[in-house]
Each structure stands twice: as C-alpha cells, then as structure tokens.
Amino acid sequence: MAENLSLKMEDNEDNAAKKTIIVSRHKGAIKWLESKGIKGWIVEHIDNNIIEAIKEGYKVYGILPVPIIKQIMDKGAEVYLINLPAVALGQRGKELTVEEMDQAGAKIIKIDKLELQEVKL
C-alpha cells in the first residue's frame, strides 16, 4: 500500500532513494540494482495505491506492463527497465545471482517516450 512505502525506507537514506521505487520480487535483481548504487522502496508488485503515490521526479525500476509504464510516465516519473539480453532459456523465471545477471548482460534501459494507440477491431 502506498501509505506503507515510507515504512520501508531507512531514516538515513538520501533524497534520491526516497523518490525511487524498485518493483521486483527477485532478490537477485534487487541486489544487482543495489550493486549499481540504486536503492529505494522495494515492492513486489505495483498496484493503484502505489501508482497514486508516485509523483513527478520519482524513478521506478523493474519489469512492468506497458499500460502501467504509461500511467507512471504520465505522472512525470521516470521508468527504467531491467533488461537481460543474453539470459539463457533455462534461466528464465528462476532467481538469478548478481553474477548471473552480469553474465546475462544485465543493463538498465530508460523509457523516454511511450505512445499508445488503441486498435479498433
């Protein structure tokens, strides 16, 4: 819930971390982000309460559905995806270590623009 997000932050966290949300249930992905200096509120899934709490200037990291990405960007927040371009088929859906993510070419991709158009059928 959005009102509980602040409870997950340490009092000594810097301002950037307070405006960063990491959406992942994968401990390895969270550790990988932390190894790159990215810290913030950690939530396993994003819901409407969390989306409502997001404000301009926030950064959201994770793997998110396109319509949710659009909602977040429309609020003035930035969205970053974790991409694993060389992940082996047998590794998909499994918990990966920081080292395995690096071996799979893990990188962060920022979404700058997103336009959605409904297709009339």
Protein backbone atom coordinates (compact mmCIF):
# COMPACT_ATOMS: atom_id res chain seq x y z
CA MET A 1 0.00 0.00 0.00
CA ALA A 2 1.22 3.50 -0.78
CA GLU A 3 0.87 4.70 2.80
CA ASN A 4 3.28 1.95 3.91
CA LEU A 5 6.01 2.78 1.40
CA SER A 6 7.73 5.22 3.76
CA LEU A 7 7.99 2.48 6.39
CA LYS A 8 10.38 0.56 4.13
CA MET A 9 12.86 3.42 3.93
CA GLU A 10 15.63 3.94 6.44
CA ASP A 11 15.72 7.33 8.13
CA ASN A 12 19.25 7.92 6.86
CA GLU A 13 18.52 7.23 3.18
CA ASP A 14 19.32 10.04 0.78
CA ASN A 15 16.69 12.05 -1.05
CA ALA A 16 17.14 10.17 -4.34
CA ALA A 17 16.41 6.84 -2.67
CA LYS A 18 13.24 8.28 -1.14
CA LYS A 19 11.98 9.03 -4.66
CA THR A 20 12.96 5.64 -6.11
CA ILE A 21 10.70 2.60 -6.28
CA ILE A 22 12.03 -0.84 -7.17
CA VAL A 23 9.32 -3.23 -8.35
CA SER A 24 10.59 -6.78 -8.11
CA ARG A 25 10.04 -9.98 -6.19
CA HIS A 26 13.50 -11.20 -7.25
CA LYS A 27 16.16 -10.76 -4.57
CA GLY A 28 18.92 -11.12 -7.17
CA ALA A 29 17.55 -8.23 -9.23
CA ILE A 30 17.28 -6.05 -6.12
CA LYS A 31 20.87 -6.90 -5.14
CA TRP A 32 22.02 -6.23 -8.73
CA LEU A 33 20.41 -2.76 -8.64
CA GLU A 34 21.98 -2.09 -5.25
CA SER A 35 25.37 -3.11 -6.67
CA LYS A 36 24.87 -0.32 -9.23
CA GLY A 37 24.09 2.20 -6.50
CA ILE A 38 20.30 2.13 -6.94
CA LYS A 39 18.36 1.98 -3.69
CA GLY A 40 14.76 2.77 -2.88
CA TRP A 41 11.41 1.48 -1.75
CA ILE A 42 11.07 -2.19 -2.64
CA VAL A 43 7.68 -3.56 -3.61
CA GLU A 44 6.96 -6.97 -5.11
CA HIS A 45 4.07 -5.76 -7.25
CA ILE A 46 2.78 -2.36 -8.20
CA ASP A 47 -0.87 -1.53 -7.57
CA ASN A 48 -3.13 1.51 -7.87
CA ASN A 49 -2.22 2.73 -4.38
CA ILE A 50 1.46 2.79 -5.27
CA ILE A 51 0.78 4.41 -8.64
CA GLU A 52 -1.22 7.12 -6.84
CA ALA A 53 1.75 7.78 -4.51
CA ILE A 54 4.16 8.31 -7.42
CA LYS A 55 4.90 11.94 -8.14
CA GLU A 56 6.89 13.95 -10.64
CA GLY A 57 10.59 13.31 -10.18
CA TYR A 58 10.21 9.74 -8.97
CA LYS A 59 12.15 6.90 -10.58
CA VAL A 60 10.62 3.44 -10.96
CA TYR A 61 12.76 0.38 -11.76
CA GLY A 62 11.52 -3.08 -12.69
CA ILE A 63 9.71 -5.09 -15.32
CA LEU A 64 6.28 -3.53 -15.76
CA PRO A 65 3.30 -3.89 -18.09
CA VAL A 66 3.17 -1.23 -20.80
CA PRO A 67 -0.10 0.42 -19.62
CA ILE A 68 1.34 0.83 -16.12
CA ILE A 69 4.53 2.31 -17.57
CA LYS A 70 2.37 4.85 -19.39
CA GLN A 71 0.47 5.75 -16.19
CA ILE A 72 3.72 6.30 -14.32
CA MET A 73 5.24 8.39 -17.09
CA ASP A 74 2.07 10.49 -17.34
CA LYS A 75 2.65 11.47 -13.70
CA GLY A 76 6.07 12.89 -14.59
CA ALA A 77 8.08 9.99 -13.20
CA GLU A 78 10.89 8.15 -14.98
CA VAL A 79 10.68 4.44 -15.76
CA TYR A 80 13.69 2.15 -16.04
CA LEU A 81 13.52 -1.47 -17.17
CA ILE A 82 15.93 -4.21 -16.22
CA ASN A 83 16.96 -5.98 -19.41
CA LEU A 84 18.76 -9.33 -19.62
CA PRO A 85 19.54 -9.71 -23.34
CA ALA A 86 21.64 -12.86 -23.03
CA VAL A 87 19.70 -14.75 -20.37
CA ALA A 88 19.61 -18.48 -21.14
CA LEU A 89 16.21 -20.05 -21.75
CA GLY A 90 16.74 -22.34 -18.76
CA GLN A 91 17.34 -19.31 -16.51
CA ARG A 92 14.04 -17.59 -17.32
CA GLY A 93 11.69 -17.49 -14.37
CA LYS A 94 14.44 -18.51 -11.96
CA GLU A 95 16.17 -16.49 -9.27
CA LEU A 96 19.50 -15.21 -10.59
CA THR A 97 22.51 -14.02 -8.64
CA VAL A 98 24.21 -10.69 -9.29
CA GLU A 99 26.96 -12.57 -11.13
CA GLU A 100 24.47 -14.48 -13.31
CA MET A 101 22.70 -11.23 -14.17
CA ASP A 102 26.02 -9.67 -15.18
CA GLN A 103 26.82 -12.74 -17.31
CA ALA A 104 23.41 -12.36 -18.98
CA GLY A 105 24.36 -8.82 -19.97
CA ALA A 106 22.04 -7.11 -17.48
CA LYS A 107 21.50 -3.45 -18.17
CA ILE A 108 19.07 -0.70 -17.36
CA ILE A 109 17.00 0.85 -20.12
CA LYS A 110 15.23 4.18 -19.62
CA ILE A 111 11.95 4.69 -21.42
CA ASP A 112 11.92 8.24 -22.78
CA LYS A 113 8.70 8.25 -24.76
CA LEU A 114 5.72 5.97 -24.95
CA GLU A 115 2.69 6.46 -27.14
CA LEU A 116 -0.20 4.02 -27.05
CA GLN A 117 -2.96 3.88 -29.62
CA GLU A 118 -5.97 1.63 -29.33
CA VAL A 119 -6.56 -0.56 -32.35
CA LYS A 120 -10.20 -0.65 -33.39
CA LEU A 121 -11.28 -4.16 -34.35
